[in-house]
Amino acid sequence: MRMFPALSAVLCLLLGGCLANPFARTSAPEVPAPAEPLSPVPQFISMNNAGAQASIDDPAFGGMVDVMVEGAFTSASGRDCRRAVVSRPPHEAEIVILCRNGEEWELMPRVWGQGLDR
């Protein structure tokens, strides 16, 4: 008879671990944040192939700039990328890289050339 209380206690612990606790907090599945829309210059680069040129007004690049898509390449991490030259006279040209991140395009960190206003 002594085994019955011990056995029932063990059985309760085992069943308690298997049953869902109605008071336990569950986390919602993480939903990726929607991609931020591209500004006009990266959008132009993403939609055009090597040799495409345009003058584009893009506040993120300081106003009216000349853009020339130089070409496509595969990055060391295996991503499809495009390289373009963005210039705003009298400043030096800036190299801009855009890479695919899944189905979206992502502007790589910009490196400013000499003479550009910061």
N, C-alpha and C. Protein backbone atom coordinates (compact mmCIF):
# COMPACT_ATOMS: atom_id res chain seq x y z
N MET A 1 0.79 -1.19 0.00
CA MET A 1 0.00 0.00 0.00
C MET A 1 0.84 1.26 0.00
N ARG A 2 2.05 1.15 0.50
CA ARG A 2 2.91 2.34 0.53
C ARG A 2 3.31 2.76 -0.88
N MET A 3 3.33 1.86 -1.81
CA MET A 3 3.77 2.18 -3.16
C MET A 3 2.71 2.99 -3.92
N PHE A 4 1.45 2.87 -3.54
CA PHE A 4 0.39 3.55 -4.26
C PHE A 4 0.55 5.07 -4.23
N PRO A 5 0.80 5.74 -3.08
CA PRO A 5 0.98 7.19 -3.09
C PRO A 5 2.23 7.60 -3.88
N ALA A 6 3.32 6.85 -3.75
CA ALA A 6 4.54 7.19 -4.48
C ALA A 6 4.33 7.01 -5.98
N LEU A 7 3.66 5.93 -6.35
CA LEU A 7 3.39 5.67 -7.76
C LEU A 7 2.45 6.71 -8.35
N SER A 8 1.46 7.11 -7.59
CA SER A 8 0.54 8.14 -8.10
C SER A 8 1.23 9.49 -8.22
N ALA A 9 2.17 9.80 -7.33
CA ALA A 9 2.91 11.05 -7.42
C ALA A 9 3.78 11.08 -8.67
N VAL A 10 4.46 9.97 -8.94
CA VAL A 10 5.30 9.88 -10.14
C VAL A 10 4.44 9.97 -11.39
N LEU A 11 3.31 9.29 -11.38
CA LEU A 11 2.40 9.32 -12.52
C LEU A 11 1.88 10.74 -12.77
N CYS A 12 1.54 11.47 -11.71
CA CYS A 12 1.08 12.86 -11.86
C CYS A 12 2.18 13.75 -12.45
N LEU A 13 3.40 13.57 -11.99
CA LEU A 13 4.51 14.37 -12.52
C LEU A 13 4.74 14.09 -14.01
N LEU A 14 4.68 12.82 -14.39
CA LEU A 14 4.88 12.45 -15.79
C LEU A 14 3.77 13.01 -16.66
N LEU A 15 2.53 12.86 -16.22
CA LEU A 15 1.40 13.38 -17.00
C LEU A 15 1.39 14.90 -17.04
N GLY A 16 1.79 15.51 -15.94
CA GLY A 16 1.84 16.98 -15.90
C GLY A 16 2.84 17.54 -16.89
N GLY A 17 3.92 16.82 -17.10
CA GLY A 17 4.93 17.28 -18.06
C GLY A 17 4.49 17.10 -19.49
N CYS A 18 3.59 16.16 -19.74
CA CYS A 18 3.14 15.89 -21.11
C CYS A 18 1.95 16.74 -21.52
N LEU A 19 1.18 17.19 -20.55
CA LEU A 19 -0.01 17.97 -20.87
C LEU A 19 0.36 19.44 -21.00
N ALA A 20 -0.33 20.10 -21.87
CA ALA A 20 -0.08 21.53 -22.06
C ALA A 20 -0.62 22.31 -20.88
N ASN A 21 0.14 23.24 -20.41
CA ASN A 21 -0.27 24.11 -19.32
C ASN A 21 -1.09 25.25 -19.91
N PRO A 22 -2.37 25.38 -19.54
CA PRO A 22 -3.18 26.44 -20.13
C PRO A 22 -2.73 27.83 -19.71
N PHE A 23 -1.93 27.93 -18.67
CA PHE A 23 -1.47 29.23 -18.20
C PHE A 23 -0.07 29.58 -18.70
N ALA A 24 0.55 28.66 -19.42
CA ALA A 24 1.90 28.91 -19.93
C ALA A 24 1.84 29.90 -21.07
N ARG A 25 2.80 30.76 -21.12
CA ARG A 25 2.87 31.74 -22.21
C ARG A 25 3.55 31.10 -23.41
N THR A 26 2.93 31.27 -24.54
CA THR A 26 3.54 30.77 -25.77
C THR A 26 3.91 31.96 -26.63
N SER A 27 5.01 31.85 -27.31
CA SER A 27 5.43 32.96 -28.15
C SER A 27 4.87 32.76 -29.56
N ALA A 28 4.48 33.85 -30.14
CA ALA A 28 3.96 33.81 -31.51
C ALA A 28 5.11 33.55 -32.46
N PRO A 29 4.85 32.88 -33.57
CA PRO A 29 5.94 32.67 -34.53
C PRO A 29 6.47 34.02 -35.03
N GLU A 30 7.77 34.08 -35.16
CA GLU A 30 8.40 35.32 -35.58
C GLU A 30 8.16 35.55 -37.06
N VAL A 31 7.59 36.70 -37.38
CA VAL A 31 7.31 37.07 -38.75
C VAL A 31 8.36 38.08 -39.18
N PRO A 32 9.01 37.85 -40.33
CA PRO A 32 10.02 38.82 -40.76
C PRO A 32 9.38 40.16 -41.07
N ALA A 33 10.11 41.21 -40.73
CA ALA A 33 9.62 42.57 -41.00
C ALA A 33 9.57 42.80 -42.50
N PRO A 34 8.57 43.54 -42.96
CA PRO A 34 8.51 43.81 -44.40
C PRO A 34 9.74 44.61 -44.84
N ALA A 35 10.21 44.32 -46.02
CA ALA A 35 11.39 44.99 -46.54
C ALA A 35 11.09 46.46 -46.77
N GLU A 36 12.07 47.29 -46.44
CA GLU A 36 11.92 48.73 -46.67
C GLU A 36 12.04 48.98 -48.17
N PRO A 37 11.14 49.79 -48.74
CA PRO A 37 11.21 50.02 -50.18
C PRO A 37 12.53 50.71 -50.56
N LEU A 38 13.01 50.38 -51.74
CA LEU A 38 14.26 50.97 -52.22
C LEU A 38 14.03 52.41 -52.65
N SER A 39 15.04 53.25 -52.43
CA SER A 39 14.96 54.61 -52.95
C SER A 39 15.18 54.55 -54.46
N PRO A 40 14.98 55.66 -55.19
CA PRO A 40 15.04 55.61 -56.66
C PRO A 40 16.35 55.07 -57.27
N VAL A 41 17.51 55.42 -56.70
CA VAL A 41 18.78 54.95 -57.28
C VAL A 41 18.91 53.43 -57.17
N PRO A 42 18.78 52.83 -55.96
CA PRO A 42 18.86 51.37 -55.89
C PRO A 42 17.76 50.67 -56.70
N GLN A 43 16.60 51.28 -56.78
CA GLN A 43 15.52 50.69 -57.58
C GLN A 43 15.92 50.64 -59.06
N PHE A 44 16.54 51.71 -59.57
CA PHE A 44 17.02 51.74 -60.95
C PHE A 44 18.07 50.66 -61.17
N ILE A 45 19.01 50.54 -60.23
CA ILE A 45 20.08 49.54 -60.36
C ILE A 45 19.49 48.13 -60.38
N SER A 46 18.50 47.87 -59.53
CA SER A 46 17.91 46.53 -59.44
C SER A 46 17.15 46.15 -60.71
N MET A 47 16.68 47.14 -61.45
CA MET A 47 15.84 46.86 -62.61
C MET A 47 16.59 46.90 -63.94
N ASN A 48 17.89 47.24 -63.92
CA ASN A 48 18.63 47.42 -65.17
C ASN A 48 19.91 46.61 -65.19
N ASN A 49 20.37 46.33 -66.40
CA ASN A 49 21.60 45.57 -66.61
C ASN A 49 22.76 46.50 -66.93
N ALA A 50 23.94 45.91 -67.10
CA ALA A 50 25.15 46.68 -67.38
C ALA A 50 24.95 47.61 -68.57
N GLY A 51 25.44 48.82 -68.42
CA GLY A 51 25.36 49.81 -69.49
C GLY A 51 24.21 50.78 -69.33
N ALA A 52 23.24 50.48 -68.51
CA ALA A 52 22.10 51.39 -68.32
C ALA A 52 22.56 52.65 -67.59
N GLN A 53 22.07 53.80 -68.07
CA GLN A 53 22.43 55.09 -67.47
C GLN A 53 21.18 55.93 -67.30
N ALA A 54 21.19 56.77 -66.27
CA ALA A 54 20.08 57.69 -66.06
C ALA A 54 20.49 58.78 -65.10
N SER A 55 19.78 59.91 -65.16
CA SER A 55 19.89 60.96 -64.15
C SER A 55 18.66 60.81 -63.27
N ILE A 56 18.89 60.66 -61.97
CA ILE A 56 17.81 60.33 -61.04
C ILE A 56 17.86 61.27 -59.85
N ASP A 57 16.69 61.74 -59.45
CA ASP A 57 16.57 62.57 -58.25
C ASP A 57 16.31 61.65 -57.06
N ASP A 58 17.28 61.54 -56.17
CA ASP A 58 17.16 60.66 -55.01
C ASP A 58 17.72 61.38 -53.79
N PRO A 59 16.86 61.80 -52.86
CA PRO A 59 17.34 62.51 -51.67
C PRO A 59 18.36 61.70 -50.86
N ALA A 60 18.28 60.37 -50.89
CA ALA A 60 19.23 59.54 -50.15
C ALA A 60 20.65 59.69 -50.70
N PHE A 61 20.78 60.16 -51.94
CA PHE A 61 22.08 60.36 -52.56
C PHE A 61 22.40 61.84 -52.77
N GLY A 62 21.63 62.72 -52.16
CA GLY A 62 21.93 64.14 -52.22
C GLY A 62 21.25 64.90 -53.33
N GLY A 63 20.22 64.35 -53.91
CA GLY A 63 19.49 65.07 -54.98
C GLY A 63 19.70 64.41 -56.33
N MET A 64 19.85 65.26 -57.36
CA MET A 64 20.00 64.76 -58.73
C MET A 64 21.40 64.15 -58.91
N VAL A 65 21.43 62.89 -59.33
CA VAL A 65 22.70 62.19 -59.54
C VAL A 65 22.65 61.45 -60.87
N ASP A 66 23.83 61.19 -61.42
CA ASP A 66 23.96 60.37 -62.62
C ASP A 66 24.31 58.95 -62.17
N VAL A 67 23.60 57.98 -62.73
CA VAL A 67 23.80 56.58 -62.35
C VAL A 67 24.15 55.78 -63.59
N MET A 68 25.20 54.94 -63.48
CA MET A 68 25.55 54.03 -64.56
C MET A 68 25.77 52.64 -63.97
N VAL A 69 24.97 51.68 -64.42
CA VAL A 69 25.11 50.30 -63.95
C VAL A 69 26.31 49.70 -64.68
N GLU A 70 27.30 49.22 -63.90
CA GLU A 70 28.52 48.67 -64.49
C GLU A 70 28.42 47.19 -64.79
N GLY A 71 27.73 46.43 -63.96
CA GLY A 71 27.64 45.00 -64.22
C GLY A 71 27.15 44.22 -63.03
N ALA A 72 27.02 42.92 -63.25
CA ALA A 72 26.56 42.00 -62.22
C ALA A 72 27.70 41.06 -61.85
N PHE A 73 27.66 40.56 -60.61
CA PHE A 73 28.66 39.60 -60.15
C PHE A 73 28.08 38.78 -59.02
N THR A 74 28.75 37.71 -58.67
CA THR A 74 28.36 36.88 -57.54
C THR A 74 29.32 37.19 -56.40
N SER A 75 28.77 37.52 -55.25
CA SER A 75 29.61 37.87 -54.10
C SER A 75 30.27 36.61 -53.52
N ALA A 76 31.20 36.81 -52.62
CA ALA A 76 31.89 35.69 -51.98
C ALA A 76 30.92 34.82 -51.19
N SER A 77 29.82 35.40 -50.74
CA SER A 77 28.82 34.63 -49.99
C SER A 77 27.80 33.96 -50.91
N GLY A 78 27.98 34.13 -52.24
CA GLY A 78 27.10 33.47 -53.21
C GLY A 78 25.88 34.27 -53.60
N ARG A 79 25.80 35.53 -53.19
CA ARG A 79 24.65 36.37 -53.53
C ARG A 79 24.84 37.03 -54.89
N ASP A 80 23.73 37.20 -55.62
CA ASP A 80 23.76 37.94 -56.88
C ASP A 80 23.79 39.42 -56.56
N CYS A 81 24.76 40.13 -57.17
CA CYS A 81 24.94 41.56 -56.87
C CYS A 81 25.07 42.35 -58.16
N ARG A 82 24.86 43.65 -58.06
CA ARG A 82 25.08 44.59 -59.16
C ARG A 82 25.89 45.76 -58.64
N ARG A 83 26.74 46.26 -59.52
CA ARG A 83 27.62 47.38 -59.17
C ARG A 83 27.27 48.54 -60.08
N ALA A 84 27.21 49.74 -59.50
CA ALA A 84 26.92 50.94 -60.28
C ALA A 84 27.78 52.09 -59.78
N VAL A 85 27.95 53.08 -60.65
CA VAL A 85 28.66 54.30 -60.29
C VAL A 85 27.62 55.40 -60.20
N VAL A 86 27.64 56.11 -59.07
CA VAL A 86 26.72 57.22 -58.84
C VAL A 86 27.57 58.47 -58.68
N SER A 87 27.29 59.48 -59.51
CA SER A 87 28.08 60.71 -59.42
C SER A 87 27.18 61.92 -59.34
N ARG A 88 27.71 62.92 -58.65
CA ARG A 88 27.01 64.19 -58.49
C ARG A 88 28.06 65.28 -58.57
N PRO A 89 28.28 65.80 -59.80
CA PRO A 89 29.33 66.82 -59.96
C PRO A 89 29.11 67.98 -59.00
N PRO A 90 30.14 68.53 -58.43
CA PRO A 90 31.57 68.34 -58.68
C PRO A 90 32.20 67.29 -57.78
N HIS A 91 31.41 66.46 -57.12
CA HIS A 91 31.94 65.45 -56.21
C HIS A 91 32.45 64.23 -56.96
N GLU A 92 33.30 63.46 -56.27
CA GLU A 92 33.79 62.22 -56.85
C GLU A 92 32.66 61.21 -56.99
N ALA A 93 32.84 60.31 -57.91
CA ALA A 93 31.85 59.24 -58.10
C ALA A 93 31.89 58.28 -56.91
N GLU A 94 30.75 57.68 -56.65
CA GLU A 94 30.63 56.71 -55.57
C GLU A 94 30.25 55.36 -56.17
N ILE A 95 30.91 54.31 -55.73
CA ILE A 95 30.55 52.95 -56.16
C ILE A 95 29.43 52.47 -55.25
N VAL A 96 28.37 51.96 -55.86
CA VAL A 96 27.22 51.47 -55.10
C VAL A 96 27.01 50.00 -55.46
N ILE A 97 26.84 49.18 -54.43
CA ILE A 97 26.63 47.74 -54.62
C ILE A 97 25.24 47.38 -54.08
N LEU A 98 24.53 46.63 -54.87
CA LEU A 98 23.19 46.16 -54.51
C LEU A 98 23.20 44.64 -54.63
N CYS A 99 22.77 43.92 -53.59
CA CYS A 99 22.78 42.45 -53.62
C CYS A 99 21.40 41.91 -53.28
N ARG A 100 21.12 40.74 -53.85
CA ARG A 100 19.85 40.06 -53.55
C ARG A 100 19.92 39.47 -52.15
N ASN A 101 18.82 39.63 -51.43
CA ASN A 101 18.65 39.02 -50.13
C ASN A 101 17.34 38.25 -50.22
N GLY A 102 17.40 37.02 -50.69
CA GLY A 102 16.18 36.25 -50.98
C GLY A 102 15.55 36.81 -52.25
N GLU A 103 14.33 37.27 -52.14
CA GLU A 103 13.64 37.85 -53.29
C GLU A 103 13.82 39.37 -53.36
N GLU A 104 14.35 39.97 -52.31
CA GLU A 104 14.50 41.42 -52.22
C GLU A 104 15.92 41.83 -52.60
N TRP A 105 16.08 43.10 -52.96
CA TRP A 105 17.40 43.68 -53.19
C TRP A 105 17.77 44.49 -51.95
N GLU A 106 19.05 44.48 -51.61
CA GLU A 106 19.54 45.17 -50.42
C GLU A 106 20.75 46.03 -50.81
N LEU A 107 20.71 47.30 -50.44
CA LEU A 107 21.83 48.21 -50.69
C LEU A 107 22.92 47.92 -49.68
N MET A 108 24.11 47.63 -50.15
CA MET A 108 25.24 47.35 -49.27
C MET A 108 25.70 48.67 -48.64
N PRO A 109 26.39 48.58 -47.51
CA PRO A 109 26.86 49.82 -46.88
C PRO A 109 27.66 50.67 -47.86
N ARG A 110 27.33 51.94 -47.85
CA ARG A 110 27.97 52.87 -48.79
C ARG A 110 29.30 53.36 -48.27
N VAL A 111 30.29 53.45 -49.16
CA VAL A 111 31.60 53.99 -48.84
C VAL A 111 31.73 55.29 -49.61
N TRP A 112 31.84 56.36 -48.89
CA TRP A 112 31.87 57.68 -49.53
C TRP A 112 33.23 57.96 -50.15
N GLY A 113 33.25 58.55 -51.33
CA GLY A 113 34.48 58.96 -51.98
C GLY A 113 34.98 60.28 -51.42
N GLN A 114 36.19 60.66 -51.78
CA GLN A 114 36.74 61.92 -51.31
C GLN A 114 35.96 63.08 -51.92
N GLY A 115 35.81 64.13 -51.14
CA GLY A 115 35.16 65.34 -51.64
C GLY A 115 33.65 65.34 -51.48
N LEU A 116 33.06 64.26 -51.04
CA LEU A 116 31.61 64.24 -50.85
C LEU A 116 31.25 64.93 -49.55
N ASP A 117 30.18 65.71 -49.58
CA ASP A 117 29.68 66.34 -48.35
C ASP A 117 29.11 65.27 -47.45
N ARG A 118 29.35 65.37 -46.19
CA ARG A 118 28.81 64.39 -45.25
C ARG A 118 27.77 65.02 -44.38
